Protein backbone atom coordinates (compact mmCIF):
# COMPACT_ATOMS: atom_id res chain seq x y z
CA UNK A 1 17.79 -3.97 9.89
CA UNK A 2 17.52 -0.20 9.60
CA UNK A 3 16.50 -0.51 5.87
CA UNK A 4 13.90 -3.14 6.83
CA UNK A 5 12.45 -0.76 9.49
CA UNK A 6 12.57 2.15 7.00
CA UNK A 7 10.63 0.13 4.56
CA UNK A 8 8.05 -0.65 7.24
CA UNK A 9 7.68 2.91 8.10
CA UNK A 10 7.14 3.80 4.53
CA UNK A 11 4.48 1.05 4.19
CA UNK A 12 2.87 2.51 7.31
CA UNK A 13 2.71 5.92 5.76
CA UNK A 14 1.49 4.88 2.26
CA UNK A 15 -2.15 4.52 3.19
CA UNK A 16 -2.09 8.03 4.78
CA UNK A 17 -0.33 9.49 1.70
CA UNK A 18 -2.76 7.73 -0.52
CA UNK A 19 -5.59 9.65 1.06
CA UNK A 20 -4.49 12.88 -0.61
CA UNK A 21 -5.92 12.03 -4.13
CA UNK A 22 -9.11 10.80 -2.31
CA UNK A 23 -9.44 14.06 -0.46
CA UNK A 24 -8.89 16.08 -3.64
CA UNK A 25 -11.49 14.08 -5.44
CA UNK A 26 -13.94 14.57 -2.49
CA UNK A 27 -13.35 18.34 -2.63
CA UNK A 28 -14.22 18.45 -6.30
CA UNK A 29 -17.50 16.58 -5.41
CA UNK A 30 -19.44 19.34 -3.63
CA UNK A 31 -16.56 20.14 -1.32
CA UNK A 32 -15.09 17.81 1.27
CA UNK A 33 -17.78 16.55 3.69
CA UNK A 34 -15.91 15.98 6.89
CA UNK A 35 -19.21 15.10 8.66
CA UNK A 36 -19.98 12.13 6.43
CA UNK A 37 -16.88 11.38 4.49
CA UNK A 38 -17.63 7.69 3.93
CA UNK A 39 -21.04 8.61 2.46
CA UNK A 40 -19.33 11.08 0.11
CA UNK A 41 -16.67 8.60 -0.75
CA UNK A 42 -19.35 6.13 -1.84
CA UNK A 43 -20.48 8.67 -4.42
CA UNK A 44 -16.98 8.93 -6.02
CA UNK A 45 -16.60 7.69 -9.60
CA UNK A 46 -13.73 7.32 -12.03
CA UNK A 47 -10.49 8.76 -10.71
CA UNK A 48 -11.93 9.40 -7.27
CA UNK A 49 -13.30 5.86 -6.98
CA UNK A 50 -9.96 4.44 -8.00
CA UNK A 51 -8.13 6.67 -5.60
CA UNK A 52 -10.34 5.45 -2.81
CA UNK A 53 -9.80 1.80 -3.70
CA UNK A 54 -6.00 2.36 -3.83
CA UNK A 55 -6.23 4.03 -0.48
CA UNK A 56 -8.12 1.15 1.09
CA UNK A 57 -5.86 -1.43 -0.55
CA UNK A 58 -2.89 0.23 0.98
CA UNK A 59 -4.24 -0.63 4.42
CA UNK A 60 -4.94 -4.27 3.39
CA UNK A 61 -1.41 -4.67 2.06
CA UNK A 62 0.12 -3.24 5.12
CA UNK A 63 -1.33 -6.01 7.30
CA UNK A 64 0.41 -8.71 5.31
CA UNK A 65 3.73 -6.85 4.98
CA UNK A 66 3.75 -5.73 8.62
CA UNK A 67 3.24 -9.18 9.90
CA UNK A 68 5.95 -10.55 7.57
CA UNK A 69 8.49 -7.95 8.67
CA UNK A 70 7.65 -8.42 12.42
CA UNK A 71 7.92 -12.21 12.01
CA UNK A 72 11.33 -12.09 10.36
CA UNK A 73 12.61 -9.71 12.98
CA UNK A 74 11.14 -11.74 15.84
CA UNK A 75 12.64 -14.94 14.42
CA UNK A 76 15.96 -13.12 14.23
CA UNK A 77 16.22 -14.11 10.54
CA UNK A 78 16.74 -10.70 8.98
CA UNK A 79 19.06 -11.18 5.92
CA UNK A 80 19.85 -9.47 2.64
CA UNK A 81 17.09 -11.36 0.96
CA UNK A 82 14.48 -9.92 3.47
CA UNK A 83 15.74 -6.51 3.11
CA UNK A 84 15.73 -6.60 -0.73
CA UNK A 85 12.17 -8.07 -0.77
CA UNK A 86 11.12 -5.21 1.64
CA UNK A 87 12.42 -2.60 -0.84
CA UNK A 88 10.74 -4.47 -3.72
CA UNK A 89 7.52 -4.40 -1.73
CA UNK A 90 7.59 -0.70 -1.14
CA UNK A 91 8.53 -0.03 -4.81
CA UNK A 92 5.78 -2.26 -6.08
CA UNK A 93 3.22 -0.59 -3.68
CA UNK A 94 4.15 2.84 -4.95
CA UNK A 95 3.79 1.59 -8.55
CA UNK A 96 0.40 -0.02 -7.66
CA UNK A 97 -0.95 3.14 -6.36
CA UNK A 98 0.16 5.12 -9.39
CA UNK A 99 -0.98 2.55 -11.75
CA UNK A 100 -4.42 2.48 -10.04
CA UNK A 101 -4.73 6.28 -10.36
CA UNK A 102 -3.73 6.08 -13.96
CA UNK A 103 -6.22 3.33 -14.66
CA UNK A 104 -3.69 0.78 -15.86
CA UNK A 105 -5.40 -2.31 -14.43
CA UNK A 106 -3.22 -5.08 -15.81
CA UNK A 107 0.00 -3.38 -14.75
CA UNK A 108 -1.67 -2.58 -11.50
CA UNK A 109 -2.35 -6.32 -10.84
CA UNK A 110 1.18 -7.19 -11.79
CA UNK A 111 2.50 -4.68 -9.18
CA UNK A 112 0.03 -6.16 -6.58
CA UNK A 113 1.45 -9.73 -7.27
CA UNK A 114 5.06 -8.52 -6.99
CA UNK A 115 4.25 -6.82 -3.67
CA UNK A 116 2.35 -9.79 -2.05
CA UNK A 117 5.02 -12.10 -3.33
CA UNK A 118 7.68 -10.01 -1.74
CA UNK A 119 5.74 -10.12 1.54
CA UNK A 120 5.51 -13.84 1.42
CA UNK A 121 9.18 -14.11 0.56
CA UNK A 122 10.01 -12.02 3.72
CA UNK A 123 7.89 -14.27 5.83
CA UNK A 124 9.54 -17.38 4.21
CA UNK A 125 12.91 -16.11 5.44
CA UNK A 126 11.67 -16.60 9.02
CA UNK A 127 11.04 -20.21 8.46
């Protein structure tokens, strides 16, 4: 279960780590506007816009993954398959973020499908 919880912790940290490229892009756009960051983020284009989308998607993904992990733990059905799928999810999410920043849209979508499939697979272990 330690590996499963470690993966959950990494997934929790991913959205916050994904903020770094957004902040860098904002800093290049007239300096980081901490008074109105969302208004400034709405002006981002190219790399900055992709970084913001990846950051936001990390939060969206966390909801599904987090619920799947908590469900498999609550059902006392943690097994090697669930643990492997958790590792796959985290790896796919890291790849997703990098591919988004690099603008490889088809590969990014593949990483997204792998991550969501892994989350659904974890949840299925609880059934």
